[in-house]
Amino acid sequence: MMDRKTFLKVSGGFSGGLLVMSGLPFLSGCTKQNMNQEIKFGLQLYTLRAAMPDDPRGVLRQVAGFGYKQIESYEGPMGIYWGMGPAGFKQYLDDLGMEIIASHCNIHDNFEQKAADAASIGMKYLVCPWIGHQESIDAYKQQADLFNTCGEICRKEGIRFAYHNHAYTFETMDGVYPQDVLMEHTDPALVDYELDIYWVVTAGADPITWIRKYPDRFVLSHVKDRKRDEPLSNTDASVTLGTGMIDYPGIVGVAKAHGMRYFFVEQEQYEGTTPIDSVRDNAVYMKSLLVS
């Protein structure tokens, strides 16, 4: 999550098209009965990073109205709990019918207290969102050691720790994938992984191959689409789900079968739509994607 560009304030025409569900290929085969099932999927609040600080409660109310049941927060200027404190944030989400599953956070600052606060409200995960491109394989091994330490801190509080990838761990260094180094040098009893599928694809790798290689390690995910016909060298190419080139219908079934439990929508760039509209349209897509 590196992009901090200003949101485009233009109205979206895509949302209206998505709502005409009968004309969408990805909804074919979805019966009225299974479409009415409660499908649980989440939102990484970084998607709404420009809107949240102005009115956290109002924005969360809209998110709930779109059908999101799970929230992944992040540690921004207002903190993980958006000025409400852990208990206040949980209560507000409860009132909206949503649950905070996880949060990205700075693991180098007061991590023990963050783990205790998360555990106090029943959060399941704290997630390291970024380590940066390391200079050597040994440096990645050191990061793995740190992850094990964070995992032990979380374990003592009754929660879990995970690492969220970017593209650089899926690009070879000295003939080795740093992601392999992290996976192989972390204790599965202490460390899980959040697979950002967009970044795997951006690195030129195959998400299904990695999911199958490490069953039950990629427990969380970021579901983020990538613009069609865009060179992989362009890292700022996320688009509304269903309009891009990532084969989520092909990926999600494999992911579920190999232990993935949480699917968080994230979008970082907006073209021809607004962040709120994209969050709504992404919800329509997710309801079809995860229907059983």
C-alpha atoms as a PDB file:
ATOM      1  CA  MET A   1       0.000   0.000   0.000  1.00  0.00           C
ATOM      2  CA  MET A   2       2.362   2.681  -1.196  1.00  0.00           C
ATOM      3  CA  ASP A   3       0.230   5.014  -3.249  1.00  0.00           C
ATOM      4  CA  ARG A   4      -0.853   8.219  -1.531  1.00  0.00           C
ATOM      5  CA  LYS A   5      -2.277  10.056  -4.527  1.00  0.00           C
ATOM      6  CA  THR A   6      -5.278  12.321  -4.136  1.00  0.00           C
ATOM      7  CA  PHE A   7      -8.608  10.664  -4.847  1.00  0.00           C
ATOM      8  CA  LEU A   8     -10.236  11.495  -8.173  1.00  0.00           C
ATOM      9  CA  LYS A   9     -13.543  13.216  -7.608  1.00  0.00           C
ATOM     10  CA  VAL A  10     -15.488  12.087 -10.595  1.00  0.00           C
ATOM     11  CA  SER A  11     -18.772  10.235 -10.677  1.00  0.00           C
ATOM     12  CA  GLY A  12     -18.704   6.574 -11.629  1.00  0.00           C
ATOM     13  CA  GLY A  13     -20.708   5.089 -14.442  1.00  0.00           C
ATOM     14  CA  PHE A  14     -19.542   1.568 -13.647  1.00  0.00           C
ATOM     15  CA  SER A  15     -21.700   1.179 -10.549  1.00  0.00           C
ATOM     16  CA  GLY A  16     -24.944   1.423 -12.421  1.00  0.00           C
ATOM     17  CA  GLY A  17     -23.802  -1.212 -14.871  1.00  0.00           C
ATOM     18  CA  LEU A  18     -22.810  -3.621 -12.131  1.00  0.00           C
ATOM     19  CA  LEU A  19     -26.187  -3.383 -10.519  1.00  0.00           C
ATOM     20  CA  VAL A  20     -27.849  -4.718 -13.649  1.00  0.00           C
ATOM     21  CA  MET A  21     -26.897  -8.168 -12.473  1.00  0.00           C
ATOM     22  CA  SER A  22     -28.626 -10.243 -15.102  1.00  0.00           C
ATOM     23  CA  GLY A  23     -26.234  -9.011 -17.780  1.00  0.00           C
ATOM     24  CA  LEU A  24     -23.036  -9.858 -15.940  1.00  0.00           C
ATOM     25  CA  PRO A  25     -21.145 -13.051 -16.857  1.00  0.00           C
ATOM     26  CA  PHE A  26     -19.731 -13.507 -13.377  1.00  0.00           C
ATOM     27  CA  LEU A  27     -23.253 -13.729 -11.951  1.00  0.00           C
ATOM     28  CA  SER A  28     -24.444 -16.442 -14.313  1.00  0.00           C
ATOM     29  CA  GLY A  29     -25.503 -19.508 -12.385  1.00  0.00           C
ATOM     30  CA  CYS A  30     -26.190 -17.597  -9.166  1.00  0.00           C
ATOM     31  CA  THR A  31     -29.723 -18.462  -8.088  1.00  0.00           C
ATOM     32  CA  LYS A  32     -31.958 -16.188  -6.079  1.00  0.00           C
ATOM     33  CA  GLN A  33     -31.645 -18.602  -3.175  1.00  0.00           C
ATOM     34  CA  ASN A  34     -27.870 -18.639  -2.958  1.00  0.00           C
ATOM     35  CA  MET A  35     -27.590 -14.908  -3.707  1.00  0.00           C
ATOM     36  CA  ASN A  36     -29.656 -14.299  -0.563  1.00  0.00           C
ATOM     37  CA  GLN A  37     -27.235 -16.208   1.668  1.00  0.00           C
ATOM     38  CA  GLU A  38     -25.087 -14.127   3.992  1.00  0.00           C
ATOM     39  CA  ILE A  39     -21.732 -13.923   2.261  1.00  0.00           C
ATOM     40  CA  LYS A  40     -19.021 -12.611   4.575  1.00  0.00           C
ATOM     41  CA  PHE A  41     -16.290 -10.529   3.000  1.00  0.00           C
ATOM     42  CA  GLY A  42     -14.275  -7.602   4.215  1.00  0.00           C
ATOM     43  CA  LEU A  43     -12.838  -4.214   3.391  1.00  0.00           C
ATOM     44  CA  GLN A  44      -9.349  -2.894   4.060  1.00  0.00           C
ATOM     45  CA  LEU A  45     -10.129   0.656   5.208  1.00  0.00           C
ATOM     46  CA  TYR A  46      -7.062   2.003   3.420  1.00  0.00           C
ATOM     47  CA  THR A  47      -9.296   1.910   0.353  1.00  0.00           C
ATOM     48  CA  LEU A  48     -11.162   4.878   1.891  1.00  0.00           C
ATOM     49  CA  ARG A  49      -8.116   6.606   3.353  1.00  0.00           C
ATOM     50  CA  ALA A  50      -9.130  10.075   2.115  1.00  0.00           C
ATOM     51  CA  ALA A  51     -12.736   9.848   3.317  1.00  0.00           C
ATOM     52  CA  MET A  52     -12.372   8.108   6.694  1.00  0.00           C
ATOM     53  CA  PRO A  53     -10.661  10.926   8.647  1.00  0.00           C
ATOM     54  CA  ASP A  54     -13.482  13.386   7.921  1.00  0.00           C
ATOM     55  CA  ASP A  55     -16.312  11.164   9.138  1.00  0.00           C
ATOM     56  CA  PRO A  56     -15.277   7.675  10.306  1.00  0.00           C
ATOM     57  CA  ARG A  57     -18.710   6.790  11.631  1.00  0.00           C
ATOM     58  CA  GLY A  58     -20.552   7.978   8.563  1.00  0.00           C
ATOM     59  CA  VAL A  59     -18.198   6.204   6.179  1.00  0.00           C
ATOM     60  CA  LEU A  60     -18.427   2.950   8.139  1.00  0.00           C
ATOM     61  CA  ARG A  61     -22.223   3.209   8.062  1.00  0.00           C
ATOM     62  CA  GLN A  62     -22.094   3.364   4.274  1.00  0.00           C
ATOM     63  CA  VAL A  63     -19.686   0.415   4.141  1.00  0.00           C
ATOM     64  CA  ALA A  64     -22.082  -1.681   6.225  1.00  0.00           C
ATOM     65  CA  GLY A  65     -24.917  -0.693   3.918  1.00  0.00           C
ATOM     66  CA  PHE A  66     -23.023  -2.124   0.944  1.00  0.00           C
ATOM     67  CA  GLY A  67     -22.925  -5.565   2.581  1.00  0.00           C
ATOM     68  CA  TYR A  68     -19.453  -5.735   4.110  1.00  0.00           C
ATOM     69  CA  LYS A  69     -19.413  -7.796   7.296  1.00  0.00           C
ATOM     70  CA  GLN A  70     -15.704  -7.718   8.114  1.00  0.00           C
ATOM     71  CA  ILE A  71     -13.236  -4.871   8.530  1.00  0.00           C
ATOM     72  CA  GLU A  72      -9.464  -4.728   8.303  1.00  0.00           C
ATOM     73  CA  SER A  73      -8.193  -1.461   9.702  1.00  0.00           C
ATOM     74  CA  TYR A  74      -4.765   0.159   9.463  1.00  0.00           C
ATOM     75  CA  GLU A  75      -2.668   2.404  11.652  1.00  0.00           C
ATOM     76  CA  GLY A  76      -3.177   5.866  10.182  1.00  0.00           C
ATOM     77  CA  PRO A  77      -3.038   9.340  11.755  1.00  0.00           C
ATOM     78  CA  MET A  78      -6.201   8.610  13.786  1.00  0.00           C
ATOM     79  CA  GLY A  79      -4.925   5.223  14.940  1.00  0.00           C
ATOM     80  CA  ILE A  80      -6.267   1.751  14.358  1.00  0.00           C
ATOM     81  CA  TYR A  81      -9.555   2.566  16.078  1.00  0.00           C
ATOM     82  CA  TRP A  82     -10.284   5.910  14.396  1.00  0.00           C
ATOM     83  CA  GLY A  83     -10.421   7.957  17.586  1.00  0.00           C
ATOM     84  CA  MET A  84     -13.023   5.706  19.227  1.00  0.00           C
ATOM     85  CA  GLY A  85     -10.662   3.501  21.238  1.00  0.00           C
ATOM     86  CA  PRO A  86     -10.716  -0.293  20.968  1.00  0.00           C
ATOM     87  CA  ALA A  87     -13.964  -0.835  22.886  1.00  0.00           C
ATOM     88  CA  GLY A  88     -15.739   2.100  21.241  1.00  0.00           C
ATOM     89  CA  PHE A  89     -14.731   1.010  17.754  1.00  0.00           C
ATOM     90  CA  LYS A  90     -15.874  -2.554  18.391  1.00  0.00           C
ATOM     91  CA  GLN A  91     -19.208  -1.368  19.782  1.00  0.00           C
ATOM     92  CA  TYR A  92     -19.836   0.853  16.784  1.00  0.00           C
ATOM     93  CA  LEU A  93     -19.055  -1.984  14.366  1.00  0.00           C
ATOM     94  CA  ASP A  94     -21.276  -4.308  16.397  1.00  0.00           C
ATOM     95  CA  ASP A  95     -24.119  -1.830  16.028  1.00  0.00           C
ATOM     96  CA  LEU A  96     -23.571  -1.857  12.257  1.00  0.00           C
ATOM     97  CA  GLY A  97     -23.428  -5.645  12.047  1.00  0.00           C
ATOM     98  CA  MET A  98     -19.719  -5.695  11.215  1.00  0.00           C
ATOM     99  CA  GLU A  99     -16.639  -7.181  12.888  1.00  0.00           C
ATOM    100  CA  ILE A 100     -13.029  -6.038  12.967  1.00  0.00           C
ATOM    101  CA  ILE A 101     -11.011  -9.096  11.986  1.00  0.00           C
ATOM    102  CA  ALA A 102      -7.543  -7.584  11.616  1.00  0.00           C
ATOM    103  CA  SER A 103      -5.496  -4.442  11.388  1.00  0.00           C
ATOM    104  CA  HIS A 104      -2.254  -3.460   9.732  1.00  0.00           C
ATOM    105  CA  CYS A 105       0.081  -1.775  12.170  1.00  0.00           C
ATOM    106  CA  ASN A 106       3.613  -0.588  12.825  1.00  0.00           C
ATOM    107  CA  ILE A 107       5.203  -3.597  14.497  1.00  0.00           C
ATOM    108  CA  HIS A 108       8.221  -1.574  15.670  1.00  0.00           C
ATOM    109  CA  ASP A 109       6.281   0.723  18.004  1.00  0.00           C
ATOM    110  CA  ASN A 110       4.611  -0.509  21.215  1.00  0.00           C
ATOM    111  CA  PHE A 111       3.603  -3.797  19.628  1.00  0.00           C
ATOM    112  CA  GLU A 112       2.877  -5.523  22.933  1.00  0.00           C
ATOM    113  CA  GLN A 113       0.218  -2.943  23.791  1.00  0.00           C
ATOM    114  CA  LYS A 114      -1.273  -3.173  20.311  1.00  0.00           C
ATOM    115  CA  ALA A 115      -1.582  -6.928  20.709  1.00  0.00           C
ATOM    116  CA  ALA A 116      -3.236  -6.537  24.105  1.00  0.00           C
ATOM    117  CA  ASP A 117      -5.689  -3.942  22.767  1.00  0.00           C
ATOM    118  CA  ALA A 118      -6.557  -6.118  19.789  1.00  0.00           C
ATOM    119  CA  ALA A 119      -7.132  -9.141  22.016  1.00  0.00           C
ATOM    120  CA  SER A 120      -9.342  -7.118  24.363  1.00  0.00           C
ATOM    121  CA  ILE A 121     -11.976  -6.719  21.631  1.00  0.00           C
ATOM    122  CA  GLY A 122     -11.663 -10.140  20.048  1.00  0.00           C
ATOM    123  CA  MET A 123      -9.688  -9.104  16.982  1.00  0.00           C
ATOM    124  CA  LYS A 124      -8.103 -12.109  15.319  1.00  0.00           C
ATOM    125  CA  TYR A 125      -4.988 -10.684  13.621  1.00  0.00           C
ATOM    126  CA  LEU A 126      -2.375  -7.984  13.700  1.00  0.00           C
ATOM    127  CA  VAL A 127      -0.643  -7.674  10.336  1.00  0.00           C
ATOM    128  CA  CYS A 128       2.720  -6.248   9.310  1.00  0.00           C
ATOM    129  CA  PRO A 129       1.949  -4.377   6.071  1.00  0.00           C
ATOM    130  CA  TRP A 130       5.424  -3.583   4.783  1.00  0.00           C
ATOM    131  CA  ILE A 131       9.099  -4.385   5.302  1.00  0.00           C
ATOM    132  CA  GLY A 132      10.543  -2.892   2.128  1.00  0.00           C
ATOM    133  CA  HIS A 133      12.925  -4.478  -0.338  1.00  0.00           C
ATOM    134  CA  GLN A 134      15.731  -5.998   1.739  1.00  0.00           C
ATOM    135  CA  GLU A 135      19.360  -5.882   0.637  1.00  0.00           C
ATOM    136  CA  SER A 136      20.118  -9.588   1.081  1.00  0.00           C
ATOM    137  CA  ILE A 137      18.604 -12.985   1.740  1.00  0.00           C
ATOM    138  CA  ASP A 138      20.095 -12.855   5.226  1.00  0.00           C
ATOM    139  CA  ALA A 139      18.145  -9.658   5.833  1.00  0.00           C
ATOM    140  CA  TYR A 140      14.932 -11.471   4.925  1.00  0.00           C
ATOM    141  CA  LYS A 141      15.875 -14.207   7.401  1.00  0.00           C
ATOM    142  CA  GLN A 142      16.221 -11.503  10.058  1.00  0.00           C
ATOM    143  CA  GLN A 143      12.760 -10.266   9.168  1.00  0.00           C
ATOM    144  CA  ALA A 144      11.472 -13.808   9.580  1.00  0.00           C
ATOM    145  CA  ASP A 145      12.991 -13.903  13.063  1.00  0.00           C
ATOM    146  CA  LEU A 146      11.199 -10.663  13.896  1.00  0.00           C
ATOM    147  CA  PHE A 147       7.927 -12.124  12.623  1.00  0.00           C
ATOM    148  CA  ASN A 148       8.375 -15.120  14.919  1.00  0.00           C
ATOM    149  CA  THR A 149       8.880 -12.747  17.833  1.00  0.00           C
ATOM    150  CA  CYS A 150       5.735 -10.804  16.926  1.00  0.00           C
ATOM    151  CA  GLY A 151       3.881 -14.070  16.526  1.00  0.00           C
ATOM    152  CA  GLU A 152       4.862 -15.152  20.016  1.00  0.00           C
ATOM    153  CA  ILE A 153       3.660 -11.825  21.448  1.00  0.00           C
ATOM    154  CA  CYS A 154       0.337 -12.296  19.692  1.00  0.00           C
ATOM    155  CA  ARG A 155       0.078 -15.933  20.756  1.00  0.00           C
ATOM    156  CA  LYS A 156       0.388 -14.938  24.407  1.00  0.00           C
ATOM    157  CA  GLU A 157      -2.586 -12.603  23.926  1.00  0.00           C
ATOM    158  CA  GLY A 158      -4.640 -15.261  22.158  1.00  0.00           C
ATOM    159  CA  ILE A 159      -4.506 -13.683  18.693  1.00  0.00           C
ATOM    160  CA  ARG A 160      -2.481 -14.285  15.513  1.00  0.00           C
ATOM    161  CA  PHE A 161       0.210 -12.436  13.581  1.00  0.00           C
ATOM    162  CA  ALA A 162       0.531 -12.203   9.794  1.00  0.00           C
ATOM    163  CA  TYR A 163       2.644 -10.518   7.128  1.00  0.00           C
ATOM    164  CA  HIS A 164       1.154  -8.787   4.069  1.00  0.00           C
ATOM    165  CA  ASN A 165       3.288  -9.002   0.932  1.00  0.00           C
ATOM    166  CA  HIS A 166       4.169  -6.612  -1.846  1.00  0.00           C
ATOM    167  CA  ALA A 167       5.724  -7.518  -5.180  1.00  0.00           C
ATOM    168  CA  TYR A 168       9.359  -7.602  -4.050  1.00  0.00           C
ATOM    169  CA  THR A 169       9.138 -10.875  -2.130  1.00  0.00           C
ATOM    170  CA  PHE A 170       7.880 -12.609  -5.285  1.00  0.00           C
ATOM    171  CA  GLU A 171      10.859 -11.469  -7.368  1.00  0.00           C
ATOM    172  CA  THR A 172      14.004 -13.578  -7.223  1.00  0.00           C
ATOM    173  CA  MET A 173      17.134 -12.484  -5.396  1.00  0.00           C
ATOM    174  CA  ASP A 174      20.278 -14.560  -5.858  1.00  0.00           C
ATOM    175  CA  GLY A 175      18.107 -17.231  -7.447  1.00  0.00           C
ATOM    176  CA  VAL A 176      15.800 -17.394  -4.429  1.00  0.00           C
ATOM    177  CA  TYR A 177      12.335 -15.978  -3.812  1.00  0.00           C
ATOM    178  CA  PRO A 178      12.363 -13.905  -0.604  1.00  0.00           C
ATOM    179  CA  GLN A 179       8.805 -15.100   0.005  1.00  0.00           C
ATOM    180  CA  ASP A 180      10.135 -18.665   0.251  1.00  0.00           C
ATOM    181  CA  VAL A 181      12.704 -17.468   2.775  1.00  0.00           C
ATOM    182  CA  LEU A 182      10.008 -15.845   4.911  1.00  0.00           C
ATOM    183  CA  MET A 183       7.718 -18.866   4.705  1.00  0.00           C
ATOM    184  CA  GLU A 184      10.440 -21.382   5.511  1.00  0.00           C
ATOM    185  CA  HIS A 185      11.989 -19.410   8.384  1.00  0.00           C
ATOM    186  CA  THR A 186       8.776 -18.594  10.220  1.00  0.00           C
ATOM    187  CA  ASP A 187       6.998 -20.966  12.569  1.00  0.00           C
ATOM    188  CA  PRO A 188       3.530 -21.888  11.228  1.00  0.00           C
ATOM    189  CA  ALA A 189       2.343 -22.010  14.836  1.00  0.00           C
ATOM    190  CA  LEU A 190       3.173 -18.311  15.162  1.00  0.00           C
ATOM    191  CA  VAL A 191       3.025 -16.652  11.741  1.00  0.00           C
ATOM    192  CA  ASP A 192       0.390 -16.630   9.024  1.00  0.00           C
ATOM    193  CA  TYR A 193       0.385 -14.680   5.757  1.00  0.00           C
ATOM    194  CA  GLU A 194      -1.958 -12.262   4.046  1.00  0.00           C
ATOM    195  CA  LEU A 195      -1.681 -12.790   0.305  1.00  0.00           C
ATOM    196  CA  ASP A 196      -2.097  -9.545  -1.615  1.00  0.00           C
ATOM    197  CA  ILE A 197      -3.018 -11.133  -4.910  1.00  0.00           C
ATOM    198  CA  TYR A 198      -2.558  -7.939  -6.901  1.00  0.00           C
ATOM    199  CA  TRP A 199       1.083  -7.676  -5.849  1.00  0.00           C
ATOM    200  CA  VAL A 200       1.762 -11.335  -6.659  1.00  0.00           C
ATOM    201  CA  VAL A 201       0.426 -10.801 -10.183  1.00  0.00           C
ATOM    202  CA  THR A 202       2.330  -7.516 -10.502  1.00  0.00           C
ATOM    203  CA  ALA A 203       5.531  -9.437  -9.724  1.00  0.00           C
ATOM    204  CA  GLY A 204       4.745 -11.760 -12.649  1.00  0.00           C
ATOM    205  CA  ALA A 205       3.997 -14.713 -10.365  1.00  0.00           C
ATOM    206  CA  ASP A 206       1.011 -17.069 -10.200  1.00  0.00           C
ATOM    207  CA  PRO A 207      -1.095 -16.786  -7.011  1.00  0.00           C
ATOM    208  CA  ILE A 208      -2.502 -20.310  -7.376  1.00  0.00           C
ATOM    209  CA  THR A 209       0.988 -21.827  -7.505  1.00  0.00           C
ATOM    210  CA  TRP A 210       1.921 -20.116  -4.259  1.00  0.00           C
ATOM    211  CA  ILE A 211      -1.346 -20.952  -2.515  1.00  0.00           C
ATOM    212  CA  ARG A 212      -0.869 -24.617  -3.373  1.00  0.00           C
ATOM    213  CA  LYS A 213       2.780 -24.569  -2.367  1.00  0.00           C
ATOM    214  CA  TYR A 214       1.989 -23.388   1.165  1.00  0.00           C
ATOM    215  CA  PRO A 215      -1.413 -24.750   2.204  1.00  0.00           C
ATOM    216  CA  ASP A 216      -2.912 -23.241   5.350  1.00  0.00           C
ATOM    217  CA  ARG A 217      -0.292 -20.466   5.494  1.00  0.00           C
ATOM    218  CA  PHE A 218      -2.110 -17.836   3.414  1.00  0.00           C
ATOM    219  CA  VAL A 219      -5.103 -17.360   5.701  1.00  0.00           C
ATOM    220  CA  LEU A 220      -6.001 -13.791   4.772  1.00  0.00           C
ATOM    221  CA  SER A 221      -6.011 -12.032   1.413  1.00  0.00           C
ATOM    222  CA  HIS A 222      -6.350  -8.714  -0.351  1.00  0.00           C
ATOM    223  CA  VAL A 223      -8.689  -8.955  -3.314  1.00  0.00           C
ATOM    224  CA  LYS A 224      -7.633  -6.190  -5.694  1.00  0.00           C
ATOM    225  CA  ASP A 225      -7.912  -6.204  -9.473  1.00  0.00           C
ATOM    226  CA  ARG A 226      -5.315  -5.038 -11.997  1.00  0.00           C
ATOM    227  CA  LYS A 227      -5.933  -2.961 -15.095  1.00  0.00           C
ATOM    228  CA  ARG A 228      -5.997  -4.876 -18.370  1.00  0.00           C
ATOM    229  CA  ASP A 229      -3.251  -4.429 -20.985  1.00  0.00           C
ATOM    230  CA  GLU A 230      -1.031  -2.580 -18.544  1.00  0.00           C
ATOM    231  CA  PRO A 231       2.686  -3.425 -18.281  1.00  0.00           C
ATOM    232  CA  LEU A 232       3.668  -5.022 -14.997  1.00  0.00           C
ATOM    233  CA  SER A 233       6.191  -2.241 -14.544  1.00  0.00           C
ATOM    234  CA  ASN A 234       3.257   0.041 -13.742  1.00  0.00           C
ATOM    235  CA  THR A 235       2.604  -0.746 -10.100  1.00  0.00           C
ATOM    236  CA  ASP A 236      -0.212   1.814  -9.784  1.00  0.00           C
ATOM    237  CA  ALA A 237      -2.815  -0.062 -11.788  1.00  0.00           C
ATOM    238  CA  SER A 238      -5.529  -1.263  -9.420  1.00  0.00           C
ATOM    239  CA  VAL A 239      -9.117  -1.066 -10.689  1.00  0.00           C
ATOM    240  CA  THR A 240     -12.592  -2.006  -9.563  1.00  0.00           C
ATOM    241  CA  LEU A 241     -13.080  -5.758  -9.224  1.00  0.00           C
ATOM    242  CA  GLY A 242     -14.370  -7.485 -12.321  1.00  0.00           C
ATOM    243  CA  THR A 243     -13.031  -4.857 -14.701  1.00  0.00           C
ATOM    244  CA  GLY A 244      -9.419  -6.017 -14.609  1.00  0.00           C
ATOM    245  CA  MET A 245      -7.326  -9.000 -15.673  1.00  0.00           C
ATOM    246  CA  ILE A 246      -6.999 -11.090 -12.506  1.00  0.00           C
ATOM    247  CA  ASP A 247      -8.940 -14.360 -12.634  1.00  0.00           C
ATOM    248  CA  TYR A 248     -10.555 -14.236  -9.205  1.00  0.00           C
ATOM    249  CA  PRO A 249     -13.201 -16.884  -9.989  1.00  0.00           C
ATOM    250  CA  GLY A 250     -10.324 -19.265 -10.746  1.00  0.00           C
ATOM    251  CA  ILE A 251      -8.276 -18.251  -7.708  1.00  0.00           C
ATOM    252  CA  VAL A 252     -10.823 -18.136  -4.902  1.00  0.00           C
ATOM    253  CA  GLY A 253     -11.937 -21.770  -5.042  1.00  0.00           C
ATOM    254  CA  VAL A 254      -8.328 -22.949  -4.793  1.00  0.00           C
ATOM    255  CA  ALA A 255      -7.650 -20.456  -2.006  1.00  0.00           C
ATOM    256  CA  LYS A 256     -10.593 -21.657   0.073  1.00  0.00           C
ATOM    257  CA  ALA A 257      -9.559 -25.286  -0.414  1.00  0.00           C
ATOM    258  CA  HIS A 258      -6.062 -24.471   0.862  1.00  0.00           C
ATOM    259  CA  GLY A 259      -7.009 -22.626   4.036  1.00  0.00           C
ATOM    260  CA  MET A 260      -7.777 -19.036   3.040  1.00  0.00           C
ATOM    261  CA  ARG A 261     -10.547 -17.709   5.272  1.00  0.00           C
ATOM    262  CA  TYR A 262     -10.625 -13.930   4.928  1.00  0.00           C
ATOM    263  CA  PHE A 263     -11.075 -11.896   1.757  1.00  0.00           C
ATOM    264  CA  PHE A 264     -10.580  -8.132   2.106  1.00  0.00           C
ATOM    265  CA  VAL A 265     -11.338  -5.812  -0.775  1.00  0.00           C
ATOM    266  CA  GLU A 266      -8.669  -3.186  -1.383  1.00  0.00           C
ATOM    267  CA  GLN A 267      -8.407  -0.618  -4.144  1.00  0.00           C
ATOM    268  CA  GLU A 268      -5.747   2.069  -4.427  1.00  0.00           C
ATOM    269  CA  GLN A 269      -6.375   3.827  -7.752  1.00  0.00           C
ATOM    270  CA  TYR A 270      -9.654   5.129  -9.168  1.00  0.00           C
ATOM    271  CA  GLU A 271     -10.385   5.914 -12.777  1.00  0.00           C
ATOM    272  CA  GLY A 272     -13.859   7.086 -13.770  1.00  0.00           C
ATOM    273  CA  THR A 273     -15.284   6.441 -10.300  1.00  0.00           C
ATOM    274  CA  THR A 274     -15.009   7.575  -6.687  1.00  0.00           C
ATOM    275  CA  PRO A 275     -13.678   5.560  -3.737  1.00  0.00           C
ATOM    276  CA  ILE A 276     -17.141   5.162  -2.184  1.00  0.00           C
ATOM    277  CA  ASP A 277     -18.650   4.088  -5.503  1.00  0.00           C
ATOM    278  CA  SER A 278     -15.840   1.595  -6.051  1.00  0.00           C
ATOM    279  CA  VAL A 279     -16.366   0.133  -2.568  1.00  0.00           C
ATOM    280  CA  ARG A 280     -20.045  -0.338  -3.404  1.00  0.00           C
ATOM    281  CA  ASP A 281     -19.321  -1.907  -6.796  1.00  0.00           C
ATOM    282  CA  ASN A 282     -16.627  -4.155  -5.322  1.00  0.00           C
ATOM    283  CA  ALA A 283     -19.210  -5.421  -2.816  1.00  0.00           C
ATOM    284  CA  VAL A 284     -21.545  -6.445  -5.647  1.00  0.00           C
ATOM    285  CA  TYR A 285     -18.702  -8.404  -7.227  1.00  0.00           C
ATOM    286  CA  MET A 286     -17.704 -10.055  -3.945  1.00  0.00           C
ATOM    287  CA  LYS A 287     -21.242 -11.258  -3.281  1.00  0.00           C
ATOM    288  CA  SER A 288     -21.091 -13.138  -6.568  1.00  0.00           C
ATOM    289  CA  LEU A 289     -17.511 -14.310  -6.170  1.00  0.00           C
ATOM    290  CA  LEU A 290     -17.936 -15.910  -2.758  1.00  0.00           C
ATOM    291  CA  VAL A 291     -21.416 -17.349  -3.189  1.00  0.00           C
ATOM    292  CA  SER A 292     -21.341 -21.070  -2.510  1.00  0.00           C
END
